[in-house]
Amino acid sequence: MRRLILLGGWLWCAAAMAGEEAKPTEGLKPPEGAIVLFDGKDASRWERASVTPEGYLEAGATTKEKFGDCQLHLEFNIQPDPTGKKVSGNSGVYIQRRYEIQILNSAGGPPQKGGCGAIYQFKAPDTNQAKPPGEWQTYDITFRAPRWDDAKKKTANARVSVVHNGVKVHDNVEVPRKTGAGKAEGPEPGPLYLQHHGNKVFFRNIWLLPLKAEEVAR
C-alpha cells in the first residue's frame, strides 16, 4: 500500500512537471510516509518558530530535523506592505539551508533570477506564476541532494524541480553550488529554513516526504 501511495504521489508530481494542465495544490494532504512539519497547531519540529493567532507559521523558522532527497509541499502568503511598496514580501525556502527557492512579491512581472519562484540568482522560473500579496500560493518541490564519494568529493550536483501554484517552473534543474545566503555544500543532510528578510510572510500546510534513491530516479 505504501509503495502505491508513494508512486501515485510521484506520478501526480511528474504530470504537473510535464507541462500538462495546471493542477492547484492548495490544501494538498500529505501522503503516507510524509513528515508533517506544520499543521497550523504544532510547531514543535521548528526552531525559532512564531505562530500567529490564525495558526500560520511566520518566516524565520528552521526545522530541527535534517533532510536529504525529498518532496516538499508548503503554502505561503506574502502580506501586503503597509508602505505600498511594489516589491515586498522578500523571503525564501532554503532546502538543506543551502539552496533557495525565492519568495517575493513579483506578480505580473517577467520571470527573473531574483523573482518569486526563482532558484535564487541562479535560474529564473520558466514562467512567472506569482500571485498578488494576500493570496495563498503553493510550492511543490522535488529535491535530489548532491552525491559524494567516500573522500567527501562531490560526484553529482543537486537537482531541483519546482511546481509553483500548480505550474511547472523548474524541471530537474542541476544546481552546481549553494545559492543566495545558503550554507556551504557538504555530504551531510541539512534543515529546511523559511527565510526572514524583514517582511511579513506566513506559511501553512507544510509537509515533507523523504525519498529513496530509486524513487528520485523515477
N, C-alpha and C. Protein backbone atom coordinates (compact mmCIF):
# COMPACT_ATOMS: atom_id res chain seq x y z
N MET A 1 0.83 -1.20 0.00
CA MET A 1 0.00 0.00 0.00
C MET A 1 0.87 1.26 0.00
N ARG A 2 1.92 1.26 0.83
CA ARG A 2 2.76 2.46 0.92
C ARG A 2 3.40 2.76 -0.43
N ARG A 3 3.87 1.73 -1.09
CA ARG A 3 4.52 1.92 -2.37
C ARG A 3 3.55 2.51 -3.39
N LEU A 4 2.32 2.04 -3.38
CA LEU A 4 1.33 2.56 -4.31
C LEU A 4 1.05 4.03 -4.05
N ILE A 5 0.94 4.40 -2.79
CA ILE A 5 0.68 5.80 -2.45
C ILE A 5 1.85 6.66 -2.85
N LEU A 6 3.06 6.19 -2.56
CA LEU A 6 4.24 6.97 -2.93
C LEU A 6 4.31 7.12 -4.45
N LEU A 7 4.09 6.03 -5.15
CA LEU A 7 4.16 6.08 -6.61
C LEU A 7 3.09 6.99 -7.17
N GLY A 8 1.90 6.94 -6.60
CA GLY A 8 0.83 7.81 -7.06
C GLY A 8 1.18 9.27 -6.87
N GLY A 9 1.75 9.58 -5.70
CA GLY A 9 2.16 10.95 -5.45
C GLY A 9 3.21 11.40 -6.44
N TRP A 10 4.16 10.48 -6.75
CA TRP A 10 5.23 10.82 -7.68
C TRP A 10 4.67 11.04 -9.09
N LEU A 11 3.76 10.16 -9.52
CA LEU A 11 3.19 10.32 -10.85
C LEU A 11 2.40 11.62 -10.96
N TRP A 12 1.69 11.99 -9.88
CA TRP A 12 0.98 13.27 -9.92
C TRP A 12 1.96 14.41 -10.12
N CYS A 13 3.07 14.36 -9.38
CA CYS A 13 4.06 15.42 -9.46
C CYS A 13 4.67 15.45 -10.85
N ALA A 14 4.99 14.26 -11.40
CA ALA A 14 5.59 14.20 -12.72
C ALA A 14 4.64 14.75 -13.77
N ALA A 15 3.35 14.50 -13.64
CA ALA A 15 2.39 15.02 -14.60
C ALA A 15 2.37 16.53 -14.58
N ALA A 16 2.42 17.11 -13.38
CA ALA A 16 2.42 18.56 -13.29
C ALA A 16 3.66 19.14 -13.92
N MET A 17 4.79 18.39 -13.83
CA MET A 17 6.04 18.89 -14.38
C MET A 17 6.13 18.68 -15.88
N ALA A 18 5.25 17.88 -16.43
CA ALA A 18 5.34 17.55 -17.85
C ALA A 18 4.63 18.58 -18.72
N GLY A 19 4.17 19.67 -18.14
CA GLY A 19 3.55 20.71 -18.93
C GLY A 19 2.07 20.50 -19.17
N GLU A 20 1.47 19.58 -18.45
CA GLU A 20 0.05 19.36 -18.61
C GLU A 20 -0.74 20.47 -17.91
N GLU A 21 -2.03 20.36 -17.94
CA GLU A 21 -2.88 21.37 -17.34
C GLU A 21 -2.51 21.59 -15.88
N ALA A 22 -2.48 22.86 -15.47
CA ALA A 22 -2.11 23.20 -14.09
C ALA A 22 -3.04 22.50 -13.11
N LYS A 23 -2.46 21.99 -12.04
CA LYS A 23 -3.22 21.30 -11.02
C LYS A 23 -3.00 22.01 -9.69
N PRO A 24 -3.93 22.86 -9.27
CA PRO A 24 -3.77 23.57 -7.99
C PRO A 24 -3.55 22.58 -6.85
N THR A 25 -2.65 22.93 -5.95
CA THR A 25 -2.32 22.02 -4.85
C THR A 25 -2.59 22.64 -3.48
N GLU A 26 -3.32 23.73 -3.42
CA GLU A 26 -3.66 24.33 -2.14
C GLU A 26 -4.48 23.33 -1.32
N GLY A 27 -4.05 23.11 -0.09
CA GLY A 27 -4.74 22.16 0.78
C GLY A 27 -4.36 20.72 0.55
N LEU A 28 -3.34 20.47 -0.26
CA LEU A 28 -2.93 19.11 -0.57
C LEU A 28 -2.54 18.36 0.71
N LYS A 29 -3.11 17.17 0.89
CA LYS A 29 -2.85 16.40 2.10
C LYS A 29 -1.58 15.57 1.93
N PRO A 30 -0.85 15.36 3.02
CA PRO A 30 0.39 14.59 2.93
C PRO A 30 0.11 13.13 2.63
N PRO A 31 0.93 12.49 1.79
CA PRO A 31 0.76 11.07 1.53
C PRO A 31 1.30 10.25 2.68
N GLU A 32 1.03 8.97 2.65
CA GLU A 32 1.56 8.07 3.66
C GLU A 32 3.08 8.13 3.65
N GLY A 33 3.68 8.21 4.81
CA GLY A 33 5.12 8.27 4.91
C GLY A 33 5.67 9.67 5.00
N ALA A 34 4.83 10.69 4.79
CA ALA A 34 5.29 12.07 4.86
C ALA A 34 5.45 12.52 6.31
N ILE A 35 6.33 13.48 6.51
CA ILE A 35 6.52 14.10 7.81
C ILE A 35 5.76 15.42 7.81
N VAL A 36 4.79 15.55 8.68
CA VAL A 36 4.02 16.80 8.78
C VAL A 36 4.84 17.78 9.62
N LEU A 37 5.36 18.80 8.96
CA LEU A 37 6.23 19.76 9.64
C LEU A 37 5.43 20.87 10.32
N PHE A 38 4.28 21.21 9.74
CA PHE A 38 3.42 22.22 10.39
C PHE A 38 2.00 22.04 9.91
N ASP A 39 1.08 21.88 10.86
CA ASP A 39 -0.32 21.64 10.55
C ASP A 39 -1.23 22.77 11.04
N GLY A 40 -0.64 23.90 11.44
CA GLY A 40 -1.43 25.01 11.94
C GLY A 40 -1.52 25.06 13.45
N LYS A 41 -1.02 24.01 14.10
CA LYS A 41 -1.09 23.95 15.56
C LYS A 41 0.26 23.62 16.18
N ASP A 42 0.84 22.52 15.72
CA ASP A 42 2.06 22.01 16.34
C ASP A 42 3.29 22.53 15.61
N ALA A 43 4.09 23.36 16.28
CA ALA A 43 5.33 23.88 15.71
C ALA A 43 6.55 23.30 16.40
N SER A 44 6.40 22.13 17.02
CA SER A 44 7.48 21.57 17.83
C SER A 44 8.65 21.07 16.98
N ARG A 45 8.47 20.91 15.69
CA ARG A 45 9.56 20.46 14.82
C ARG A 45 10.46 21.61 14.36
N TRP A 46 10.19 22.82 14.84
CA TRP A 46 10.90 24.01 14.36
C TRP A 46 11.64 24.71 15.49
N GLU A 47 12.75 25.31 15.13
CA GLU A 47 13.46 26.24 16.00
C GLU A 47 13.06 27.66 15.61
N ARG A 48 12.98 28.54 16.61
CA ARG A 48 12.62 29.95 16.41
C ARG A 48 11.26 30.08 15.71
N ALA A 49 10.34 29.23 16.09
CA ALA A 49 9.01 29.25 15.47
C ALA A 49 8.13 30.29 16.14
N SER A 50 7.41 31.05 15.31
CA SER A 50 6.42 32.00 15.79
C SER A 50 5.13 31.75 15.02
N VAL A 51 4.05 31.45 15.77
CA VAL A 51 2.77 31.11 15.14
C VAL A 51 1.76 32.21 15.43
N THR A 52 1.06 32.66 14.40
CA THR A 52 0.06 33.71 14.55
C THR A 52 -1.20 33.16 15.21
N PRO A 53 -2.07 34.01 15.73
CA PRO A 53 -3.34 33.54 16.31
C PRO A 53 -4.20 32.76 15.31
N GLU A 54 -3.99 33.04 14.02
CA GLU A 54 -4.77 32.33 12.99
C GLU A 54 -4.20 30.95 12.69
N GLY A 55 -3.02 30.64 13.24
CA GLY A 55 -2.43 29.33 13.00
C GLY A 55 -1.48 29.30 11.83
N TYR A 56 -0.82 30.41 11.54
CA TYR A 56 0.16 30.47 10.46
C TYR A 56 1.56 30.58 11.04
N LEU A 57 2.50 29.90 10.42
CA LEU A 57 3.90 29.96 10.83
C LEU A 57 4.56 31.16 10.15
N GLU A 58 5.23 31.98 10.93
CA GLU A 58 5.88 33.16 10.37
C GLU A 58 7.28 32.81 9.85
N ALA A 59 7.74 33.57 8.86
CA ALA A 59 9.09 33.39 8.31
C ALA A 59 10.12 33.54 9.42
N GLY A 60 11.21 32.79 9.29
CA GLY A 60 12.29 32.85 10.27
C GLY A 60 12.53 31.55 10.99
N ALA A 61 11.73 30.52 10.72
CA ALA A 61 11.84 29.24 11.42
C ALA A 61 12.73 28.26 10.65
N THR A 62 13.38 27.38 11.39
CA THR A 62 14.25 26.35 10.82
C THR A 62 13.86 25.01 11.43
N THR A 63 13.79 23.97 10.61
CA THR A 63 13.44 22.66 11.14
C THR A 63 14.57 22.11 12.02
N LYS A 64 14.17 21.37 13.04
CA LYS A 64 15.15 20.71 13.90
C LYS A 64 15.76 19.51 13.18
N GLU A 65 14.98 18.89 12.32
CA GLU A 65 15.45 17.73 11.57
C GLU A 65 16.18 18.15 10.30
N LYS A 66 17.02 17.26 9.81
CA LYS A 66 17.77 17.49 8.57
C LYS A 66 17.34 16.46 7.55
N PHE A 67 17.40 16.85 6.27
CA PHE A 67 16.83 16.03 5.22
C PHE A 67 17.76 15.92 4.02
N GLY A 68 17.56 14.83 3.28
CA GLY A 68 18.25 14.63 2.01
C GLY A 68 17.26 14.71 0.87
N ASP A 69 17.21 13.67 0.01
CA ASP A 69 16.26 13.65 -1.10
C ASP A 69 14.84 13.72 -0.56
N CYS A 70 14.01 14.53 -1.19
CA CYS A 70 12.66 14.69 -0.64
C CYS A 70 11.72 15.35 -1.63
N GLN A 71 10.43 15.22 -1.33
CA GLN A 71 9.39 16.06 -1.93
C GLN A 71 8.85 16.95 -0.82
N LEU A 72 8.68 18.22 -1.12
CA LEU A 72 8.24 19.20 -0.13
C LEU A 72 7.00 19.92 -0.64
N HIS A 73 6.01 20.04 0.22
CA HIS A 73 4.83 20.87 -0.09
C HIS A 73 4.70 21.93 1.00
N LEU A 74 4.48 23.17 0.57
CA LEU A 74 4.16 24.23 1.53
C LEU A 74 3.31 25.29 0.85
N GLU A 75 2.60 26.04 1.68
CA GLU A 75 1.76 27.13 1.21
C GLU A 75 2.19 28.41 1.91
N PHE A 76 2.28 29.50 1.15
CA PHE A 76 2.78 30.76 1.71
C PHE A 76 1.91 31.93 1.28
N ASN A 77 1.94 32.95 2.10
CA ASN A 77 1.13 34.14 1.86
C ASN A 77 1.98 35.37 2.17
N ILE A 78 2.28 36.15 1.15
CA ILE A 78 3.01 37.41 1.30
C ILE A 78 2.03 38.47 1.78
N GLN A 79 2.33 39.08 2.89
CA GLN A 79 1.44 40.11 3.42
C GLN A 79 1.67 41.45 2.72
N PRO A 80 0.60 42.17 2.39
CA PRO A 80 0.75 43.48 1.73
C PRO A 80 1.64 44.40 2.56
N ASP A 81 2.50 45.13 1.89
CA ASP A 81 3.39 46.06 2.58
C ASP A 81 2.61 47.32 2.95
N PRO A 82 2.62 47.71 4.23
CA PRO A 82 1.84 48.88 4.65
C PRO A 82 2.31 50.18 4.03
N THR A 83 3.55 50.19 3.52
CA THR A 83 4.07 51.40 2.88
C THR A 83 3.70 51.47 1.40
N GLY A 84 3.12 50.37 0.89
CA GLY A 84 2.70 50.36 -0.50
C GLY A 84 3.80 50.02 -1.49
N LYS A 85 4.90 49.47 -1.03
CA LYS A 85 5.98 49.11 -1.94
C LYS A 85 5.51 48.04 -2.92
N LYS A 86 5.90 48.21 -4.18
CA LYS A 86 5.54 47.23 -5.18
C LYS A 86 6.36 45.94 -5.02
N VAL A 87 7.62 46.09 -4.62
CA VAL A 87 8.48 44.93 -4.39
C VAL A 87 8.58 44.71 -2.89
N SER A 88 8.02 43.64 -2.41
CA SER A 88 7.99 43.35 -0.98
C SER A 88 7.87 41.85 -0.80
N GLY A 89 7.68 41.43 0.45
CA GLY A 89 7.48 40.02 0.71
C GLY A 89 8.73 39.18 0.51
N ASN A 90 9.88 39.79 0.70
CA ASN A 90 11.13 39.07 0.47
C ASN A 90 11.32 37.96 1.50
N SER A 91 11.40 36.73 1.01
CA SER A 91 11.62 35.57 1.85
C SER A 91 12.18 34.48 0.95
N GLY A 92 12.21 33.27 1.43
CA GLY A 92 12.70 32.18 0.60
C GLY A 92 12.60 30.86 1.33
N VAL A 93 12.56 29.78 0.56
CA VAL A 93 12.58 28.44 1.11
C VAL A 93 13.97 27.87 0.86
N TYR A 94 14.74 27.69 1.93
CA TYR A 94 16.09 27.15 1.81
C TYR A 94 16.05 25.65 2.08
N ILE A 95 16.33 24.86 1.04
CA ILE A 95 16.40 23.42 1.18
C ILE A 95 17.81 23.07 1.65
N GLN A 96 17.90 22.26 2.71
CA GLN A 96 19.16 21.92 3.36
C GLN A 96 19.90 23.17 3.84
N ARG A 97 19.20 24.26 3.96
CA ARG A 97 19.80 25.55 4.35
C ARG A 97 20.86 25.99 3.36
N ARG A 98 20.77 25.45 2.10
CA ARG A 98 21.79 25.70 1.09
C ARG A 98 21.24 26.26 -0.21
N TYR A 99 20.06 25.81 -0.60
CA TYR A 99 19.53 26.13 -1.94
C TYR A 99 18.20 26.85 -1.78
N GLU A 100 18.14 28.09 -2.27
CA GLU A 100 16.96 28.93 -2.02
C GLU A 100 16.02 28.97 -3.21
N ILE A 101 14.76 28.68 -2.94
CA ILE A 101 13.68 28.98 -3.88
C ILE A 101 13.06 30.29 -3.40
N GLN A 102 13.18 31.31 -4.20
CA GLN A 102 12.84 32.67 -3.79
C GLN A 102 11.33 32.87 -3.59
N ILE A 103 11.02 33.67 -2.59
CA ILE A 103 9.66 34.18 -2.38
C ILE A 103 9.74 35.70 -2.45
N LEU A 104 8.87 36.30 -3.25
CA LEU A 104 8.89 37.75 -3.43
C LEU A 104 7.56 38.19 -4.04
N ASN A 105 7.18 39.41 -3.75
CA ASN A 105 6.02 39.99 -4.42
C ASN A 105 6.46 40.45 -5.81
N SER A 106 6.34 39.57 -6.77
CA SER A 106 6.72 39.90 -8.15
C SER A 106 5.61 39.55 -9.13
N ALA A 107 4.38 39.59 -8.67
CA ALA A 107 3.23 39.27 -9.51
C ALA A 107 3.14 40.22 -10.70
N GLY A 108 2.89 39.66 -11.87
CA GLY A 108 2.68 40.47 -13.06
C GLY A 108 3.93 40.86 -13.80
N GLY A 109 5.09 40.58 -13.26
CA GLY A 109 6.33 40.95 -13.91
C GLY A 109 6.90 39.80 -14.73
N PRO A 110 8.00 40.05 -15.43
CA PRO A 110 8.65 38.97 -16.18
C PRO A 110 9.39 38.03 -15.24
N PRO A 111 9.65 36.80 -15.66
CA PRO A 111 10.45 35.89 -14.83
C PRO A 111 11.84 36.47 -14.61
N GLN A 112 12.32 36.41 -13.39
CA GLN A 112 13.63 36.95 -13.06
C GLN A 112 14.36 36.03 -12.10
N LYS A 113 15.70 36.10 -12.12
CA LYS A 113 16.51 35.27 -11.22
C LYS A 113 16.29 35.63 -9.76
N GLY A 114 15.80 36.85 -9.51
CA GLY A 114 15.53 37.26 -8.15
C GLY A 114 14.05 37.30 -7.83
N GLY A 115 13.21 36.85 -8.75
CA GLY A 115 11.77 36.92 -8.58
C GLY A 115 11.19 35.69 -7.92
N CYS A 116 9.91 35.74 -7.61
CA CYS A 116 9.23 34.62 -6.97
C CYS A 116 9.31 33.38 -7.86
N GLY A 117 9.66 32.25 -7.25
CA GLY A 117 9.79 31.01 -7.99
C GLY A 117 11.18 30.75 -8.54
N ALA A 118 12.08 31.71 -8.42
CA ALA A 118 13.43 31.55 -8.94
C ALA A 118 14.26 30.64 -8.04
N ILE A 119 15.21 29.93 -8.63
CA ILE A 119 16.32 29.37 -7.87
C ILE A 119 17.25 30.55 -7.70
N TYR A 120 17.28 31.11 -6.53
CA TYR A 120 17.73 32.48 -6.30
C TYR A 120 19.07 32.82 -6.96
N GLN A 121 19.01 33.80 -7.83
CA GLN A 121 20.16 34.35 -8.55
C GLN A 121 20.92 33.30 -9.35
N PHE A 122 20.27 32.17 -9.63
CA PHE A 122 20.87 31.14 -10.47
C PHE A 122 20.04 30.89 -11.72
N LYS A 123 18.72 30.72 -11.54
CA LYS A 123 17.85 30.49 -12.70
C LYS A 123 16.47 31.07 -12.43
N ALA A 124 16.00 31.87 -13.37
CA ALA A 124 14.63 32.40 -13.29
C ALA A 124 13.63 31.28 -13.53
N PRO A 125 12.42 31.39 -12.98
CA PRO A 125 11.39 30.39 -13.30
C PRO A 125 11.06 30.45 -14.79
N ASP A 126 10.63 29.34 -15.34
CA ASP A 126 10.28 29.32 -16.77
C ASP A 126 9.13 30.28 -17.07
N THR A 127 8.19 30.40 -16.15
CA THR A 127 7.11 31.38 -16.25
C THR A 127 6.89 31.96 -14.86
N ASN A 128 6.37 33.18 -14.82
CA ASN A 128 6.09 33.81 -13.53
C ASN A 128 4.66 33.47 -13.12
N GLN A 129 4.53 32.66 -12.08
CA GLN A 129 3.22 32.23 -11.60
C GLN A 129 2.82 32.92 -10.29
N ALA A 130 3.55 33.98 -9.93
CA ALA A 130 3.31 34.65 -8.65
C ALA A 130 1.93 35.30 -8.59
N LYS A 131 1.31 35.20 -7.44
CA LYS A 131 0.04 35.86 -7.17
C LYS A 131 0.29 37.14 -6.36
N PRO A 132 -0.68 38.04 -6.32
CA PRO A 132 -0.50 39.28 -5.55
C PRO A 132 -0.44 39.01 -4.05
N PRO A 133 0.11 39.94 -3.29
CA PRO A 133 0.13 39.80 -1.83
C PRO A 133 -1.27 39.58 -1.27
N GLY A 134 -1.34 38.79 -0.21
CA GLY A 134 -2.62 38.50 0.42
C GLY A 134 -3.27 37.23 -0.08
N GLU A 135 -2.77 36.66 -1.19
CA GLU A 135 -3.32 35.41 -1.72
C GLU A 135 -2.39 34.25 -1.36
N TRP A 136 -2.98 33.12 -1.03
CA TRP A 136 -2.18 31.94 -0.72
C TRP A 136 -1.60 31.34 -1.99
N GLN A 137 -0.35 30.90 -1.90
CA GLN A 137 0.36 30.29 -3.01
C GLN A 137 0.97 28.96 -2.56
N THR A 138 1.34 28.14 -3.53
CA THR A 138 1.90 26.83 -3.20
C THR A 138 3.23 26.60 -3.91
N TYR A 139 4.11 25.90 -3.21
CA TYR A 139 5.31 25.33 -3.80
C TYR A 139 5.26 23.82 -3.59
N ASP A 140 5.53 23.09 -4.66
CA ASP A 140 5.73 21.65 -4.59
C ASP A 140 7.11 21.38 -5.20
N ILE A 141 8.03 20.99 -4.36
CA ILE A 141 9.44 20.92 -4.72
C ILE A 141 9.92 19.48 -4.61
N THR A 142 10.59 19.01 -5.65
CA THR A 142 11.27 17.72 -5.61
C THR A 142 12.77 17.99 -5.61
N PHE A 143 13.46 17.49 -4.60
CA PHE A 143 14.88 17.80 -4.41
C PHE A 143 15.71 16.53 -4.38
N ARG A 144 16.77 16.55 -5.17
CA ARG A 144 17.76 15.47 -5.16
C ARG A 144 19.07 16.06 -4.65
N ALA A 145 19.53 15.59 -3.52
CA ALA A 145 20.74 16.12 -2.92
C ALA A 145 21.97 15.77 -3.75
N PRO A 146 23.04 16.54 -3.62
CA PRO A 146 24.29 16.18 -4.30
C PRO A 146 24.77 14.79 -3.84
N ARG A 147 25.59 14.17 -4.68
CA ARG A 147 26.19 12.89 -4.33
C ARG A 147 27.67 13.10 -4.04
N TRP A 148 28.17 12.32 -3.07
CA TRP A 148 29.56 12.46 -2.62
C TRP A 148 30.19 11.07 -2.52
N ASP A 149 31.50 11.00 -2.77
CA ASP A 149 32.18 9.72 -2.59
C ASP A 149 32.73 9.61 -1.17
N ASP A 150 33.43 8.53 -0.89
CA ASP A 150 33.91 8.28 0.47
C ASP A 150 34.93 9.32 0.91
N ALA A 151 35.57 9.97 -0.05
CA ALA A 151 36.55 11.01 0.27
C ALA A 151 35.89 12.38 0.40
N LYS A 152 34.58 12.40 0.40
CA LYS A 152 33.80 13.62 0.50
C LYS A 152 34.03 14.56 -0.68
N LYS A 153 34.27 13.96 -1.84
CA LYS A 153 34.36 14.71 -3.09
C LYS A 153 33.02 14.61 -3.80
N LYS A 154 32.51 15.74 -4.24
CA LYS A 154 31.19 15.73 -4.88
C LYS A 154 31.27 15.05 -6.24
N THR A 155 30.36 14.11 -6.48
CA THR A 155 30.33 13.38 -7.74
C THR A 155 29.13 13.74 -8.60
N ALA A 156 28.13 14.40 -8.02
CA ALA A 156 26.95 14.83 -8.78
C ALA A 156 26.33 16.02 -8.06
N ASN A 157 25.87 16.99 -8.85
CA ASN A 157 25.27 18.20 -8.29
C ASN A 157 23.84 17.97 -7.81
N ALA A 158 23.37 18.88 -6.99
CA ALA A 158 21.97 18.87 -6.57
C ALA A 158 21.07 19.09 -7.78
N ARG A 159 19.86 18.60 -7.70
CA ARG A 159 18.86 18.83 -8.74
C ARG A 159 17.54 19.19 -8.07
N VAL A 160 16.79 20.07 -8.72
CA VAL A 160 15.53 20.52 -8.12
C VAL A 160 14.49 20.75 -9.20
N SER A 161 13.26 20.35 -8.89
CA SER A 161 12.09 20.66 -9.72
C SER A 161 11.10 21.41 -8.84
N VAL A 162 10.44 22.42 -9.42
CA VAL A 162 9.52 23.25 -8.65
C VAL A 162 8.22 23.42 -9.43
N VAL A 163 7.11 23.15 -8.74
CA VAL A 163 5.78 23.45 -9.27
C VAL A 163 5.22 24.58 -8.42
N HIS A 164 4.98 25.73 -9.05
CA HIS A 164 4.50 26.93 -8.35
C HIS A 164 3.05 27.16 -8.73
N ASN A 165 2.19 27.10 -7.73
CA ASN A 165 0.75 27.26 -7.95
C ASN A 165 0.23 26.30 -9.02
N GLY A 166 0.76 25.07 -8.99
CA GLY A 166 0.28 24.03 -9.90
C GLY A 166 0.90 24.03 -11.27
N VAL A 167 1.88 24.90 -11.51
CA VAL A 167 2.51 25.00 -12.83
C VAL A 167 4.01 24.74 -12.69
N LYS A 168 4.54 23.89 -13.55
CA LYS A 168 5.97 23.61 -13.54
C LYS A 168 6.75 24.87 -13.91
N VAL A 169 7.71 25.24 -13.08
CA VAL A 169 8.56 26.39 -13.39
C VAL A 169 10.05 26.02 -13.43
N HIS A 170 10.40 24.86 -12.85
CA HIS A 170 11.75 24.30 -12.97
C HIS A 170 11.61 22.79 -13.11
N ASP A 171 12.32 22.23 -14.07
CA ASP A 171 12.19 20.80 -14.34
C ASP A 171 13.56 20.13 -14.23
N ASN A 172 13.83 19.52 -13.08
CA ASN A 172 15.05 18.76 -12.87
C ASN A 172 16.30 19.59 -13.18
N VAL A 173 16.35 20.78 -12.62
CA VAL A 173 17.45 21.71 -12.88
C VAL A 173 18.67 21.32 -12.04
N GLU A 174 19.83 21.24 -12.68
CA GLU A 174 21.07 20.96 -11.97
C GLU A 174 21.58 22.24 -11.30
N VAL A 175 21.84 22.17 -10.02
CA VAL A 175 22.29 23.32 -9.24
C VAL A 175 23.71 23.02 -8.74
N PRO A 176 24.73 23.66 -9.31
CA PRO A 176 26.11 23.25 -9.04
C PRO A 176 26.70 23.76 -7.73
N ARG A 177 26.01 24.65 -7.06
CA ARG A 177 26.57 25.24 -5.84
C ARG A 177 25.43 25.78 -4.98
N LYS A 178 25.76 26.17 -3.78
CA LYS A 178 24.77 26.78 -2.90
C LYS A 178 24.32 28.10 -3.51
N THR A 179 23.14 28.57 -3.13
CA THR A 179 22.61 29.81 -3.69
C THR A 179 22.32 30.82 -2.58
N GLY A 180 22.29 32.09 -2.97
CA GLY A 180 21.96 33.14 -2.03
C GLY A 180 22.85 33.10 -0.80
N ALA A 181 22.22 33.21 0.37
CA ALA A 181 22.93 33.18 1.64
C ALA A 181 23.01 31.77 2.21
N GLY A 182 22.96 30.77 1.33
CA GLY A 182 22.97 29.39 1.78
C GLY A 182 24.28 28.98 2.42
N LYS A 183 24.21 27.95 3.23
CA LYS A 183 25.41 27.38 3.84
C LYS A 183 26.21 26.62 2.79
N ALA A 184 27.48 26.39 3.09
CA ALA A 184 28.34 25.66 2.16
C ALA A 184 27.83 24.24 1.94
N GLU A 185 28.02 23.73 0.74
CA GLU A 185 27.61 22.36 0.44
C GLU A 185 28.44 21.36 1.23
N GLY A 186 27.86 20.20 1.45
CA GLY A 186 28.55 19.12 2.14
C GLY A 186 27.75 17.84 2.02
N PRO A 187 28.35 16.70 2.35
CA PRO A 187 27.65 15.41 2.19
C PRO A 187 26.57 15.17 3.23
N GLU A 188 26.57 15.93 4.31
CA GLU A 188 25.58 15.71 5.35
C GLU A 188 24.25 16.37 4.96
N PRO A 189 23.12 15.83 5.42
CA PRO A 189 21.82 16.46 5.15
C PRO A 189 21.73 17.80 5.86
N GLY A 190 20.67 18.55 5.55
CA GLY A 190 20.50 19.86 6.16
C GLY A 190 19.04 20.16 6.44
N PRO A 191 18.77 21.21 7.23
CA PRO A 191 17.40 21.53 7.60
C PRO A 191 16.69 22.37 6.53
N LEU A 192 15.41 22.51 6.70
CA LEU A 192 14.60 23.43 5.91
C LEU A 192 14.52 24.76 6.65
N TYR A 193 14.78 25.85 5.95
CA TYR A 193 14.77 27.18 6.57
C TYR A 193 13.83 28.08 5.79
N LEU A 194 12.90 28.72 6.50
CA LEU A 194 11.98 29.69 5.91
C LEU A 194 12.53 31.08 6.22
N GLN A 195 13.13 31.67 5.23
CA GLN A 195 13.93 32.88 5.45
C GLN A 195 13.10 34.08 5.91
N HIS A 196 13.62 34.74 6.93
CA HIS A 196 13.06 36.03 7.35
C HIS A 196 13.96 37.12 6.81
N HIS A 197 13.38 38.02 6.01
CA HIS A 197 14.16 39.08 5.37
C HIS A 197 13.51 40.43 5.60
N GLY A 198 12.87 40.58 6.75
CA GLY A 198 12.29 41.86 7.11
C GLY A 198 10.87 42.08 6.65
N ASN A 199 10.28 41.08 6.00
CA ASN A 199 8.91 41.21 5.51
C ASN A 199 8.01 40.14 6.14
N LYS A 200 6.73 40.44 6.25
CA LYS A 200 5.76 39.50 6.80
C LYS A 200 5.37 38.48 5.74
N VAL A 201 5.72 37.24 5.99
CA VAL A 201 5.31 36.13 5.13
C VAL A 201 4.85 34.99 6.03
N PHE A 202 3.66 34.46 5.75
CA PHE A 202 3.09 33.39 6.55
C PHE A 202 3.13 32.07 5.78
N PHE A 203 3.19 30.96 6.53
CA PHE A 203 3.24 29.63 5.94
C PHE A 203 2.22 28.72 6.62
N ARG A 204 1.74 27.74 5.86
CA ARG A 204 0.82 26.74 6.40
C ARG A 204 0.97 25.44 5.60
N ASN A 205 0.37 24.37 6.12
CA ASN A 205 0.32 23.08 5.44
C ASN A 205 1.68 22.69 4.86
N ILE A 206 2.64 22.50 5.76
CA ILE A 206 3.99 22.15 5.35
C ILE A 206 4.24 20.68 5.65
N TRP A 207 4.57 19.92 4.62
CA TRP A 207 4.94 18.53 4.84
C TRP A 207 6.05 18.12 3.88
N LEU A 208 6.78 17.11 4.30
CA LEU A 208 7.95 16.66 3.53
C LEU A 208 7.95 15.15 3.46
N LEU A 209 8.14 14.63 2.26
CA LEU A 209 8.19 13.20 2.03
C LEU A 209 9.62 12.80 1.69
N PRO A 210 10.33 12.13 2.60
CA PRO A 210 11.68 11.66 2.26
C PRO A 210 11.62 10.67 1.10
N LEU A 211 12.59 10.74 0.21
CA LEU A 211 12.62 9.86 -0.95
C LEU A 211 13.88 9.01 -0.93
N LYS A 212 13.74 7.79 -1.41
CA LYS A 212 14.90 6.91 -1.62
C LYS A 212 15.46 7.14 -3.01
N ALA A 213 16.68 6.70 -3.22
CA ALA A 213 17.38 6.97 -4.48
C ALA A 213 16.58 6.48 -5.69
N GLU A 214 15.98 5.28 -5.56
CA GLU A 214 15.23 4.74 -6.70
C GLU A 214 13.97 5.54 -6.99
N GLU A 215 13.40 6.14 -5.95
CA GLU A 215 12.20 6.98 -6.15
C GLU A 215 12.57 8.28 -6.83
N VAL A 216 13.74 8.83 -6.50
CA VAL A 216 14.20 10.04 -7.17
C VAL A 216 14.47 9.74 -8.64
N ALA A 217 15.05 8.57 -8.91
CA ALA A 217 15.36 8.19 -10.29
C ALA A 217 14.12 8.11 -11.15
N ARG A 218 12.98 7.68 -10.56
CA ARG A 218 11.75 7.60 -11.33
C ARG A 218 11.23 8.98 -11.68
